[in-house]
Amino acid sequence: MIRGLLRVLSALIVALAGLLMASPAIAQVQMPELNEQQVQQLNDLRQKAFSATNLGSFIEAEGYWTQLIELLPDNPVGWSNRGNSRVSQNKLEEAIADFNKSIELAPDAPDPYLNRGTAYEGQARWDEAIADYNQVLEFDPNDAMAYNNRGNAEAGKGDWVAAIADYQKATELAPNFAFARINYALALYQSGQREAAIHTLRNIIRKYPQFPDARAALTAALWEKGKYGEAESNWVATVGLDGRYKDLDWVENVRRWPPDMVMALQKFLALK
């Protein structure tokens, strides 16, 4: 899961009117003098980059961020955002190089570490991802996303006890962080706490009835438990929201469900 860069660059807040988004540490980077035409060009590129990202056009977004980098090569935000667009295309080595450059330019900014951690996860470099999330938590001990992501990396290593603790901490810090809640439920299931997992999944669906990940997980858990009618009902809702859950490879390797939940879903799908 990649966090967007959240705050406006203070160094150019008047001139650029929100050209790029950055954390406070990034905002301390010195920016060049720009004329009105350059400011307009940068604003246009920024808008196109974020619009392309919102539409899922990550190749286009990468191109716009590249143009912004060419105009402002010492701006760490452009490098970090291009890294995000590259992660979305699974261009992980190139993304890591971008995050490295962003960190070189603004070593005290948490966002590039967080984003680089997700790229490391994509390469199953769990310890390096955890180190990046630890760095984010040194900057901000209350960063819920860092706890959730560290939980993901710990789950990748098979350390379910640590993952459960981190997911739980993320939900305490951000009670409406739905993905941290579902990750917590999945980790509970993998660790053998099946009833607690099902209870958590039902609570998630009660609050977020259109959340397909929770519906699909509850389908698998209930089917394994022998509650076939309720499982079928949740599955109908799942496929109506997101058909990707019919693809076990996607569930296992992209969404990265834990092995026991993948196996439970496989049993359900085998009888469909």
Protein backbone atom coordinates (compact mmCIF):
# COMPACT_ATOMS: atom_id res chain seq x y z
CA MET A 1 0.00 0.00 0.00
CA ILE A 2 1.93 3.55 -1.22
CA ARG A 3 1.09 6.82 0.68
CA GLY A 4 0.71 9.93 -1.43
CA LEU A 5 2.82 12.98 -0.57
CA LEU A 6 0.58 15.11 1.56
CA ARG A 7 1.65 18.67 2.19
CA VAL A 8 2.39 21.74 0.14
CA LEU A 9 5.95 22.88 -0.55
CA SER A 10 6.41 25.89 1.71
CA ALA A 11 9.35 27.24 -0.29
CA LEU A 12 7.12 27.92 -3.30
CA ILE A 13 3.69 28.06 -1.77
CA VAL A 14 2.89 31.51 -3.15
CA ALA A 15 4.55 31.20 -6.54
CA LEU A 16 3.50 27.66 -7.42
CA ALA A 17 0.07 27.47 -5.79
CA GLY A 18 0.47 23.83 -4.90
CA LEU A 19 2.78 22.70 -7.70
CA LEU A 20 3.97 19.64 -5.78
CA MET A 21 3.04 17.90 -2.57
CA ALA A 22 5.60 17.13 0.13
CA SER A 23 6.25 16.42 3.77
CA PRO A 24 7.65 19.24 5.96
CA ALA A 25 11.22 18.00 5.64
CA ILE A 26 11.00 18.08 1.85
CA ALA A 27 9.52 21.56 2.07
CA GLN A 28 12.80 22.87 3.47
CA VAL A 29 14.65 22.18 0.20
CA GLN A 30 15.79 25.37 -1.58
CA MET A 31 13.93 25.98 -4.83
CA PRO A 32 15.04 28.05 -7.82
CA GLU A 33 13.61 31.37 -8.89
CA LEU A 34 10.88 30.83 -11.47
CA ASN A 35 9.14 33.21 -13.81
CA GLU A 36 5.38 33.26 -14.36
CA GLN A 37 5.54 31.15 -17.52
CA GLN A 38 7.61 28.46 -15.80
CA VAL A 39 5.24 28.41 -12.85
CA GLN A 40 2.29 27.89 -15.20
CA GLN A 41 4.13 25.10 -17.05
CA LEU A 42 4.94 23.34 -13.78
CA ASN A 43 1.37 23.66 -12.53
CA ASP A 44 0.04 22.23 -15.79
CA LEU A 45 2.41 19.27 -15.64
CA ARG A 46 1.57 18.63 -12.00
CA GLN A 47 -2.15 18.63 -12.75
CA LYS A 48 -1.68 16.28 -15.68
CA ALA A 49 0.47 13.95 -13.55
CA PHE A 50 -2.10 13.65 -10.79
CA SER A 51 -5.00 13.36 -13.26
CA ALA A 52 -3.21 10.53 -15.07
CA THR A 53 -2.55 8.81 -11.75
CA ASN A 54 -6.20 9.09 -10.72
CA LEU A 55 -7.20 7.48 -14.04
CA GLY A 56 -4.68 4.67 -13.58
CA SER A 57 -2.58 5.90 -16.52
CA PHE A 58 0.74 5.37 -14.78
CA ILE A 59 2.87 5.44 -17.93
CA GLU A 60 1.53 8.91 -18.70
CA ALA A 61 2.00 9.99 -15.09
CA GLU A 62 5.61 8.83 -15.20
CA GLY A 63 6.18 10.92 -18.30
CA TYR A 64 4.78 14.06 -16.69
CA TRP A 65 6.89 13.54 -13.55
CA THR A 66 9.94 13.07 -15.77
CA GLN A 67 9.25 16.43 -17.37
CA LEU A 68 8.90 18.01 -13.93
CA ILE A 69 12.19 16.45 -12.85
CA GLU A 70 13.89 17.89 -15.93
CA LEU A 71 12.61 21.33 -14.96
CA LEU A 72 13.35 20.94 -11.22
CA PRO A 73 16.05 18.26 -10.87
CA ASP A 74 16.80 19.16 -7.25
CA ASN A 75 13.20 18.84 -6.14
CA PRO A 76 12.87 15.57 -4.16
CA VAL A 77 9.09 15.46 -4.55
CA GLY A 78 9.23 14.90 -8.30
CA TRP A 79 11.60 11.96 -7.85
CA SER A 80 9.42 10.39 -5.16
CA ASN A 81 6.23 10.78 -7.17
CA ARG A 82 7.84 9.34 -10.28
CA GLY A 83 8.94 6.43 -8.12
CA ASN A 84 5.31 5.91 -7.13
CA SER A 85 4.21 5.81 -10.76
CA ARG A 86 6.94 3.28 -11.49
CA VAL A 87 5.95 1.05 -8.58
CA SER A 88 2.43 1.04 -10.02
CA GLN A 89 3.91 -0.37 -13.24
CA ASN A 90 6.03 -2.91 -11.31
CA LYS A 91 9.20 -1.13 -12.49
CA LEU A 92 10.66 -1.68 -9.07
CA GLU A 93 14.39 -1.17 -9.65
CA GLU A 94 13.75 2.13 -11.42
CA ALA A 95 11.35 3.16 -8.67
CA ILE A 96 13.93 2.40 -5.97
CA ALA A 97 16.48 4.51 -7.85
CA ASP A 98 13.99 7.41 -7.81
CA PHE A 99 13.30 7.02 -4.10
CA ASN A 100 17.05 6.86 -3.44
CA LYS A 101 17.47 10.18 -5.23
CA SER A 102 14.59 11.72 -3.30
CA ILE A 103 16.13 10.54 -0.02
CA GLU A 104 19.52 11.91 -1.07
CA LEU A 105 17.93 15.32 -1.66
CA ALA A 106 15.75 15.27 1.48
CA PRO A 107 17.07 12.66 3.96
CA ASP A 108 14.75 13.78 6.74
CA ALA A 109 11.51 13.35 4.75
CA PRO A 110 9.54 10.21 5.70
CA ASP A 111 7.51 9.67 2.52
CA PRO A 112 10.30 8.43 0.20
CA TYR A 113 11.34 5.86 2.83
CA LEU A 114 7.76 4.67 3.13
CA ASN A 115 7.39 4.42 -0.62
CA ARG A 116 10.76 2.72 -1.10
CA GLY A 117 9.68 0.18 1.48
CA THR A 118 6.73 -0.82 -0.70
CA ALA A 119 9.08 -1.29 -3.66
CA TYR A 120 11.33 -3.50 -1.54
CA GLU A 121 8.27 -5.52 -0.56
CA GLY A 122 7.52 -6.04 -4.24
CA GLN A 123 10.96 -7.66 -4.52
CA ALA A 124 10.47 -9.71 -1.32
CA ARG A 125 13.32 -7.75 0.30
CA TRP A 126 11.52 -7.87 3.62
CA ASP A 127 14.34 -6.76 5.93
CA GLU A 128 15.15 -3.73 3.79
CA ALA A 129 11.46 -2.80 3.72
CA ILE A 130 11.24 -3.13 7.50
CA ALA A 131 14.33 -0.93 7.89
CA ASP A 132 12.64 1.79 5.81
CA TYR A 133 9.43 1.58 7.84
CA ASN A 134 11.47 1.74 11.05
CA GLN A 135 13.04 4.93 9.72
CA VAL A 136 9.59 6.41 9.11
CA LEU A 137 8.58 5.52 12.66
CA GLU A 138 11.68 7.26 13.97
CA PHE A 139 10.42 10.41 12.27
CA ASP A 140 6.84 9.86 13.47
CA PRO A 141 6.06 7.13 16.02
CA ASN A 142 2.34 7.57 15.30
CA ASP A 143 2.45 6.89 11.57
CA ALA A 144 -0.32 4.31 11.06
CA MET A 145 0.69 3.57 7.47
CA ALA A 146 4.23 2.70 8.52
CA TYR A 147 2.91 0.23 11.11
CA ASN A 148 0.58 -1.35 8.55
CA ASN A 149 3.32 -1.62 5.94
CA ARG A 150 5.81 -3.01 8.44
CA GLY A 151 3.16 -5.59 9.28
CA ASN A 152 2.98 -6.49 5.58
CA ALA A 153 6.75 -7.01 5.44
CA GLU A 154 6.71 -9.06 8.65
CA ALA A 155 3.91 -11.16 7.17
CA GLY A 156 6.09 -11.67 4.09
CA LYS A 157 8.76 -13.11 6.40
CA GLY A 158 6.16 -15.31 8.10
CA ASP A 159 6.43 -13.45 11.41
CA TRP A 160 2.72 -13.39 12.12
CA VAL A 161 3.03 -12.39 15.78
CA ALA A 162 4.91 -9.21 14.87
CA ALA A 163 2.54 -8.56 11.95
CA ILE A 164 -0.54 -8.84 14.18
CA ALA A 165 0.97 -6.40 16.67
CA ASP A 166 1.75 -3.87 13.95
CA TYR A 167 -1.65 -4.14 12.28
CA GLN A 168 -3.31 -3.72 15.65
CA LYS A 169 -1.22 -0.64 16.38
CA ALA A 170 -2.15 0.82 12.97
CA THR A 171 -5.85 0.38 13.69
CA GLU A 172 -5.47 1.97 17.13
CA LEU A 173 -3.80 5.00 15.59
CA ALA A 174 -6.24 5.22 12.67
CA PRO A 175 -9.57 3.52 13.52
CA ASN A 176 -10.94 4.12 10.01
CA PHE A 177 -7.92 2.56 8.28
CA ALA A 178 -9.88 -0.29 6.69
CA PHE A 179 -6.94 -2.06 5.06
CA ALA A 180 -5.08 -2.27 8.35
CA ARG A 181 -8.18 -3.89 9.85
CA ILE A 182 -8.47 -6.46 7.08
CA ASN A 183 -4.75 -7.20 7.28
CA TYR A 184 -5.17 -7.74 11.02
CA ALA A 185 -8.02 -10.19 10.38
CA LEU A 186 -6.02 -12.10 7.76
CA ALA A 187 -3.03 -12.38 10.10
CA LEU A 188 -5.28 -13.64 12.88
CA TYR A 189 -6.60 -16.32 10.53
CA GLN A 190 -3.10 -17.39 9.53
CA SER A 191 -2.04 -17.63 13.17
CA GLY A 192 -4.92 -20.02 13.92
CA GLN A 193 -7.22 -17.51 15.59
CA ARG A 194 -10.07 -18.35 13.23
CA GLU A 195 -13.05 -17.20 15.30
CA ALA A 196 -11.40 -13.89 16.11
CA ALA A 197 -10.63 -13.42 12.41
CA ILE A 198 -14.24 -14.10 11.37
CA HIS A 199 -15.54 -11.77 14.08
CA THR A 200 -13.20 -9.03 12.86
CA LEU A 201 -14.20 -9.57 9.23
CA ARG A 202 -17.89 -9.33 10.08
CA ASN A 203 -17.26 -6.08 11.95
CA ILE A 204 -15.40 -4.67 8.96
CA ILE A 205 -18.24 -5.55 6.60
CA ARG A 206 -20.77 -4.05 8.98
CA LYS A 207 -18.91 -0.76 8.76
CA TYR A 208 -17.75 -1.06 5.13
CA PRO A 209 -20.31 -3.23 3.30
CA GLN A 210 -18.75 -2.44 -0.12
CA PHE A 211 -15.26 -3.64 0.86
CA PRO A 212 -14.57 -6.62 -1.46
CA ASP A 213 -11.40 -7.79 0.30
CA ALA A 214 -13.28 -8.35 3.54
CA ARG A 215 -16.19 -10.02 1.73
CA ALA A 216 -13.86 -12.39 -0.12
CA ALA A 217 -11.93 -13.28 3.03
CA LEU A 218 -15.14 -13.91 4.95
CA THR A 219 -16.35 -16.11 2.09
CA ALA A 220 -13.24 -18.28 2.35
CA ALA A 221 -13.28 -18.44 6.15
CA LEU A 222 -16.97 -19.31 6.34
CA TRP A 223 -16.72 -21.95 3.64
CA GLU A 224 -13.86 -23.61 5.51
CA LYS A 225 -16.05 -23.50 8.64
CA GLY A 226 -18.96 -25.18 6.85
CA LYS A 227 -21.25 -22.13 6.73
CA TYR A 228 -21.91 -22.51 3.03
CA GLY A 229 -24.99 -20.32 2.64
CA GLU A 230 -23.41 -17.30 4.28
CA ALA A 231 -20.21 -17.90 2.32
CA GLU A 232 -22.12 -17.96 -0.98
CA SER A 233 -23.95 -14.76 -0.08
CA ASN A 234 -20.68 -12.94 0.61
CA TRP A 235 -19.17 -14.28 -2.60
CA VAL A 236 -22.00 -12.88 -4.71
CA ALA A 237 -21.31 -9.48 -3.15
CA THR A 238 -17.55 -9.90 -3.69
CA VAL A 239 -17.64 -10.60 -7.42
CA GLY A 240 -20.15 -7.81 -7.90
CA LEU A 241 -17.58 -5.43 -6.42
CA ASP A 242 -14.28 -6.82 -7.72
CA GLY A 243 -13.86 -9.84 -9.99
CA ARG A 244 -10.13 -10.18 -9.32
CA TYR A 245 -10.82 -12.40 -6.32
CA LYS A 246 -11.66 -15.21 -8.76
CA ASP A 247 -7.97 -15.18 -9.73
CA LEU A 248 -5.99 -17.07 -7.08
CA ASP A 249 -2.66 -15.96 -8.52
CA TRP A 250 -3.67 -12.31 -8.07
CA VAL A 251 -4.93 -12.98 -4.54
CA GLU A 252 -1.73 -14.78 -3.53
CA ASN A 253 0.94 -12.74 -5.31
CA VAL A 254 -0.49 -9.26 -5.82
CA ARG A 255 -2.94 -8.82 -2.96
CA ARG A 256 -0.68 -11.14 -0.91
CA TRP A 257 -3.16 -12.94 1.29
CA PRO A 258 -1.57 -15.33 3.79
CA PRO A 259 -1.29 -19.00 2.77
CA ASP A 260 -4.12 -20.41 4.89
CA MET A 261 -6.64 -17.88 3.60
CA VAL A 262 -5.53 -18.50 0.00
CA MET A 263 -6.01 -22.23 0.55
CA ALA A 264 -9.47 -21.65 2.02
CA LEU A 265 -10.47 -19.57 -0.99
CA GLN A 266 -9.02 -22.20 -3.32
CA LYS A 267 -11.27 -24.84 -1.73
CA PHE A 268 -14.28 -22.60 -2.22
CA LEU A 269 -13.45 -21.83 -5.85
CA ALA A 270 -12.78 -25.50 -6.63
CA LEU A 271 -16.44 -26.24 -6.00
CA LYS A 272 -17.80 -23.26 -7.92
